C-alpha atoms as a PDB file:
ATOM      1  CA  UNK A   1      80.691 -33.613  10.717  1.00  0.00           C
ATOM      2  CA  UNK A   2      77.635 -31.492  11.311  1.00  0.00           C
ATOM      3  CA  UNK A   3      74.180 -32.641  10.375  1.00  0.00           C
ATOM      4  CA  UNK A   4      72.173 -30.233   8.294  1.00  0.00           C
ATOM      5  CA  UNK A   5      68.471 -30.570   8.879  1.00  0.00           C
ATOM      6  CA  UNK A   6      65.887 -28.812   6.784  1.00  0.00           C
ATOM      7  CA  UNK A   7      62.755 -27.761   8.587  1.00  0.00           C
ATOM      8  CA  UNK A   8      59.250 -27.701   7.137  1.00  0.00           C
ATOM      9  CA  UNK A   9      59.601 -23.991   6.299  1.00  0.00           C
ATOM     10  CA  UNK A  10      62.672 -24.735   4.153  1.00  0.00           C
ATOM     11  CA  UNK A  11      65.275 -23.270   6.484  1.00  0.00           C
ATOM     12  CA  UNK A  12      68.228 -25.339   7.515  1.00  0.00           C
ATOM     13  CA  UNK A  13      70.266 -25.651  10.623  1.00  0.00           C
ATOM     14  CA  UNK A  14      73.517 -27.479  11.321  1.00  0.00           C
ATOM     15  CA  UNK A  15      73.531 -29.567  14.479  1.00  0.00           C
ATOM     16  CA  UNK A  16      76.094 -32.115  15.528  1.00  0.00           C
ATOM     17  CA  UNK A  17      74.432 -35.511  15.889  1.00  0.00           C
ATOM     18  CA  UNK A  18      70.814 -34.388  15.411  1.00  0.00           C
ATOM     19  CA  UNK A  19      69.060 -37.706  14.889  1.00  0.00           C
ATOM     20  CA  UNK A  20      65.274 -37.805  14.723  1.00  0.00           C
ATOM     21  CA  UNK A  21      63.701 -39.493  17.732  1.00  0.00           C
ATOM     22  CA  UNK A  22      60.903 -40.872  15.588  1.00  0.00           C
ATOM     23  CA  UNK A  23      60.805 -40.927  11.798  1.00  0.00           C
ATOM     24  CA  UNK A  24      57.641 -40.548   9.747  1.00  0.00           C
ATOM     25  CA  UNK A  25      58.993 -42.135   6.562  1.00  0.00           C
ATOM     26  CA  UNK A  26      62.060 -43.009   4.537  1.00  0.00           C
ATOM     27  CA  UNK A  27      62.456 -42.583   0.783  1.00  0.00           C
ATOM     28  CA  UNK A  28      65.044 -44.147  -1.519  1.00  0.00           C
ATOM     29  CA  UNK A  29      65.316 -42.853  -5.094  1.00  0.00           C
ATOM     30  CA  UNK A  30      67.541 -44.240  -7.819  1.00  0.00           C
ATOM     31  CA  UNK A  31      68.267 -42.470 -11.113  1.00  0.00           C
ATOM     32  CA  UNK A  32      69.144 -43.893 -14.495  1.00  0.00           C
ATOM     33  CA  UNK A  33      72.702 -44.161 -15.719  1.00  0.00           C
ATOM     34  CA  UNK A  34      74.237 -44.420 -19.170  1.00  0.00           C
ATOM     35  CA  UNK A  35      73.366 -48.141 -19.225  1.00  0.00           C
ATOM     36  CA  UNK A  36      70.245 -49.897 -17.994  1.00  0.00           C
ATOM     37  CA  UNK A  37      70.262 -48.854 -14.324  1.00  0.00           C
ATOM     38  CA  UNK A  38      66.689 -48.917 -13.034  1.00  0.00           C
ATOM     39  CA  UNK A  39      65.174 -45.630 -11.921  1.00  0.00           C
ATOM     40  CA  UNK A  40      62.535 -45.617  -9.208  1.00  0.00           C
ATOM     41  CA  UNK A  41      61.286 -44.104  -5.969  1.00  0.00           C
ATOM     42  CA  UNK A  42      60.602 -46.306  -2.957  1.00  0.00           C
ATOM     43  CA  UNK A  43      58.830 -44.930   0.134  1.00  0.00           C
ATOM     44  CA  UNK A  44      58.119 -46.567   3.483  1.00  0.00           C
ATOM     45  CA  UNK A  45      55.716 -44.846   5.890  1.00  0.00           C
ATOM     46  CA  UNK A  46      55.700 -45.293   9.652  1.00  0.00           C
ATOM     47  CA  UNK A  47      52.574 -47.458   9.332  1.00  0.00           C
ATOM     48  CA  UNK A  48      54.433 -49.970   7.147  1.00  0.00           C
ATOM     49  CA  UNK A  49      53.011 -48.909   3.778  1.00  0.00           C
ATOM     50  CA  UNK A  50      55.417 -49.263   0.845  1.00  0.00           C
ATOM     51  CA  UNK A  51      54.959 -47.258  -2.328  1.00  0.00           C
ATOM     52  CA  UNK A  52      57.065 -48.035  -5.406  1.00  0.00           C
ATOM     53  CA  UNK A  53      57.052 -45.643  -8.393  1.00  0.00           C
ATOM     54  CA  UNK A  54      58.952 -46.523 -11.555  1.00  0.00           C
ATOM     55  CA  UNK A  55      60.860 -43.713 -13.251  1.00  0.00           C
ATOM     56  CA  UNK A  56      62.290 -45.836 -16.066  1.00  0.00           C
ATOM     57  CA  UNK A  57      61.885 -44.429 -19.581  1.00  0.00           C
ATOM     58  CA  UNK A  58      58.720 -45.954 -21.025  1.00  0.00           C
ATOM     59  CA  UNK A  59      57.665 -47.290 -17.619  1.00  0.00           C
ATOM     60  CA  UNK A  60      56.994 -43.973 -15.855  1.00  0.00           C
ATOM     61  CA  UNK A  61      53.836 -43.933 -13.842  1.00  0.00           C
ATOM     62  CA  UNK A  62      53.878 -47.613 -12.891  1.00  0.00           C
ATOM     63  CA  UNK A  63      53.021 -47.625  -9.198  1.00  0.00           C
ATOM     64  CA  UNK A  64      52.806 -50.514  -6.762  1.00  0.00           C
ATOM     65  CA  UNK A  65      51.863 -50.507  -3.088  1.00  0.00           C
ATOM     66  CA  UNK A  66      52.326 -53.133  -0.397  1.00  0.00           C
ATOM     67  CA  UNK A  67      52.838 -53.336   3.335  1.00  0.00           C
ATOM     68  CA  UNK A  68      55.477 -54.617   5.729  1.00  0.00           C
ATOM     69  CA  UNK A  69      55.576 -54.868   9.507  1.00  0.00           C
ATOM     70  CA  UNK A  70      55.388 -51.468  11.219  1.00  0.00           C
ATOM     71  CA  UNK A  71      58.692 -52.327  12.937  1.00  0.00           C
ATOM     72  CA  UNK A  72      60.499 -52.113   9.578  1.00  0.00           C
ATOM     73  CA  UNK A  73      60.855 -48.315   9.627  1.00  0.00           C
ATOM     74  CA  UNK A  74      62.342 -48.122  13.151  1.00  0.00           C
ATOM     75  CA  UNK A  75      64.726 -50.954  12.199  1.00  0.00           C
ATOM     76  CA  UNK A  76      65.871 -49.052   9.102  1.00  0.00           C
ATOM     77  CA  UNK A  77      66.347 -45.861  11.120  1.00  0.00           C
ATOM     78  CA  UNK A  78      68.474 -47.847  13.559  1.00  0.00           C
ATOM     79  CA  UNK A  79      70.556 -49.087  10.604  1.00  0.00           C
ATOM     80  CA  UNK A  80      70.833 -45.481   9.346  1.00  0.00           C
ATOM     81  CA  UNK A  81      72.248 -44.445  12.716  1.00  0.00           C
ATOM     82  CA  UNK A  82      74.730 -47.350  12.659  1.00  0.00           C
ATOM     83  CA  UNK A  83      75.825 -46.413   9.120  1.00  0.00           C
ATOM     84  CA  UNK A  84      76.471 -42.799  10.160  1.00  0.00           C
ATOM     85  CA  UNK A  85      73.808 -41.544   7.743  1.00  0.00           C
ATOM     86  CA  UNK A  86      72.819 -38.566   9.916  1.00  0.00           C
ATOM     87  CA  UNK A  87      76.410 -37.255   9.933  1.00  0.00           C
ATOM     88  CA  UNK A  88      76.931 -37.310   6.168  1.00  0.00           C
ATOM     89  CA  UNK A  89      76.792 -34.184   4.016  1.00  0.00           C
ATOM     90  CA  UNK A  90      73.699 -33.678   1.885  1.00  0.00           C
ATOM     91  CA  UNK A  91      75.677 -34.184  -1.340  1.00  0.00           C
ATOM     92  CA  UNK A  92      78.489 -36.737  -1.356  1.00  0.00           C
ATOM     93  CA  UNK A  93      79.914 -35.545  -4.699  1.00  0.00           C
ATOM     94  CA  UNK A  94      80.443 -32.041  -3.287  1.00  0.00           C
ATOM     95  CA  UNK A  95      82.742 -33.375  -0.536  1.00  0.00           C
ATOM     96  CA  UNK A  96      86.307 -33.815  -1.841  1.00  0.00           C
ATOM     97  CA  UNK A  97      87.186 -36.183   1.011  1.00  0.00           C
ATOM     98  CA  UNK A  98      84.262 -38.529   0.299  1.00  0.00           C
ATOM     99  CA  UNK A  99      84.396 -38.102  -3.480  1.00  0.00           C
ATOM    100  CA  UNK A 100      88.068 -37.838  -4.337  1.00  0.00           C
ATOM    101  CA  UNK A 101      87.709 -39.147  -7.904  1.00  0.00           C
ATOM    102  CA  UNK A 102      84.619 -39.011 -10.113  1.00  0.00           C
ATOM    103  CA  UNK A 103      83.698 -41.285 -12.960  1.00  0.00           C
ATOM    104  CA  UNK A 104      80.913 -40.387 -15.379  1.00  0.00           C
ATOM    105  CA  UNK A 105      77.638 -42.095 -16.318  1.00  0.00           C
ATOM    106  CA  UNK A 106      76.827 -43.644 -12.933  1.00  0.00           C
ATOM    107  CA  UNK A 107      73.430 -43.463 -11.219  1.00  0.00           C
ATOM    108  CA  UNK A 108      72.621 -41.311  -8.207  1.00  0.00           C
ATOM    109  CA  UNK A 109      70.849 -42.613  -5.106  1.00  0.00           C
ATOM    110  CA  UNK A 110      69.038 -40.265  -2.766  1.00  0.00           C
ATOM    111  CA  UNK A 111      67.949 -41.363   0.704  1.00  0.00           C
ATOM    112  CA  UNK A 112      65.680 -39.084   2.697  1.00  0.00           C
ATOM    113  CA  UNK A 113      64.461 -39.585   6.256  1.00  0.00           C
ATOM    114  CA  UNK A 114      61.428 -37.495   7.224  1.00  0.00           C
ATOM    115  CA  UNK A 115      60.586 -36.693  10.834  1.00  0.00           C
ATOM    116  CA  UNK A 116      58.459 -34.042  12.487  1.00  0.00           C
ATOM    117  CA  UNK A 117      59.657 -30.592  11.380  1.00  0.00           C
ATOM    118  CA  UNK A 118      62.912 -31.921   9.916  1.00  0.00           C
ATOM    119  CA  UNK A 119      64.367 -34.114   7.229  1.00  0.00           C
ATOM    120  CA  UNK A 120      67.775 -35.486   6.350  1.00  0.00           C
ATOM    121  CA  UNK A 121      68.624 -36.176   2.721  1.00  0.00           C
ATOM    122  CA  UNK A 122      71.848 -37.606   1.330  1.00  0.00           C
ATOM    123  CA  UNK A 123      72.508 -37.601  -2.416  1.00  0.00           C
ATOM    124  CA  UNK A 124      75.028 -40.308  -3.337  1.00  0.00           C
ATOM    125  CA  UNK A 125      76.473 -40.178  -6.857  1.00  0.00           C
ATOM    126  CA  UNK A 126      77.791 -43.713  -7.404  1.00  0.00           C
ATOM    127  CA  UNK A 127      80.593 -42.429  -9.611  1.00  0.00           C
ATOM    128  CA  UNK A 128      82.476 -41.192  -6.520  1.00  0.00           C
ATOM    129  CA  UNK A 129      85.612 -43.160  -5.688  1.00  0.00           C
ATOM    130  CA  UNK A 130      88.603 -42.734  -3.430  1.00  0.00           C
ATOM    131  CA  UNK A 131      91.114 -44.001  -5.991  1.00  0.00           C
ATOM    132  CA  UNK A 132      91.185 -44.866  -9.664  1.00  0.00           C
ATOM    133  CA  UNK A 133      90.884 -48.540  -8.590  1.00  0.00           C
ATOM    134  CA  UNK A 134      87.268 -47.697  -7.612  1.00  0.00           C
ATOM    135  CA  UNK A 135      87.743 -48.106  -3.881  1.00  0.00           C
ATOM    136  CA  UNK A 136      85.325 -46.179  -1.692  1.00  0.00           C
ATOM    137  CA  UNK A 137      85.923 -44.571   1.671  1.00  0.00           C
ATOM    138  CA  UNK A 138      84.391 -46.492   4.607  1.00  0.00           C
ATOM    139  CA  UNK A 139      81.607 -43.917   5.140  1.00  0.00           C
ATOM    140  CA  UNK A 140      80.480 -44.359   1.529  1.00  0.00           C
ATOM    141  CA  UNK A 141      80.736 -48.139   1.785  1.00  0.00           C
ATOM    142  CA  UNK A 142      78.423 -48.013   4.843  1.00  0.00           C
ATOM    143  CA  UNK A 143      76.010 -45.644   3.069  1.00  0.00           C
ATOM    144  CA  UNK A 144      75.790 -47.868  -0.011  1.00  0.00           C
ATOM    145  CA  UNK A 145      75.245 -50.949   2.146  1.00  0.00           C
ATOM    146  CA  UNK A 146      72.414 -49.045   3.856  1.00  0.00           C
ATOM    147  CA  UNK A 147      70.893 -48.198   0.456  1.00  0.00           C
ATOM    148  CA  UNK A 148      70.894 -51.908  -0.399  1.00  0.00           C
ATOM    149  CA  UNK A 149      69.375 -52.717   3.021  1.00  0.00           C
ATOM    150  CA  UNK A 150      66.444 -50.408   2.273  1.00  0.00           C
ATOM    151  CA  UNK A 151      65.814 -52.165  -1.047  1.00  0.00           C
ATOM    152  CA  UNK A 152      66.123 -55.555   0.626  1.00  0.00           C
ATOM    153  CA  UNK A 153      63.869 -54.781   3.610  1.00  0.00           C
ATOM    154  CA  UNK A 154      61.149 -53.477   1.293  1.00  0.00           C
ATOM    155  CA  UNK A 155      61.549 -56.205  -1.337  1.00  0.00           C
ATOM    156  CA  UNK A 156      61.917 -53.781  -4.231  1.00  0.00           C
ATOM    157  CA  UNK A 157      63.522 -56.427  -6.463  1.00  0.00           C
ATOM    158  CA  UNK A 158      60.051 -57.815  -7.230  1.00  0.00           C
ATOM    159  CA  UNK A 159      59.131 -54.534  -8.970  1.00  0.00           C
ATOM    160  CA  UNK A 160      62.464 -53.274 -10.333  1.00  0.00           C
ATOM    161  CA  UNK A 161      63.046 -53.600 -14.067  1.00  0.00           C
ATOM    162  CA  UNK A 162      66.141 -52.534 -15.980  1.00  0.00           C
ATOM    163  CA  UNK A 163      65.747 -49.244 -17.823  1.00  0.00           C
ATOM    164  CA  UNK A 164      65.300 -49.478 -21.577  1.00  0.00           C
ATOM    165  CA  UNK A 165      67.861 -47.593 -23.620  1.00  0.00           C
ATOM    166  CA  UNK A 166      66.100 -45.546 -26.285  1.00  0.00           C
END
């Protein structure tokens, strides 16, 4: 699979295996679903600064900052490489091999890695399944484990609240 990188001027290029040598930051964003899935944006900078922004209905604008060891970002980038993140398409739901069956009302998770003059973003609609038994292909299983690793490494559970249904 080719890696599509978007440069700072908005153009894109496809390169096989283009992995940033040094990342500036990583961002994980979760959207709401039909139920009470929490919606938020979580950013880790290369200096170890964490920024959490709630996007839950009624809780928008709540922002928290904290810090972790500067080694956390390189460790997460290493995990991204191991998960095959840099070889995934930018939109999982648009790939019929990775998203064979689609259920409705699931959240979407976007992971973006920023590096000098390039970025890699993967949008993962969690309603994508391989079969009606809700099995996922191994690449998606690795991606979703990586998404959880980001949350875990940054301790987002201390700030995450379920979304209120209005």
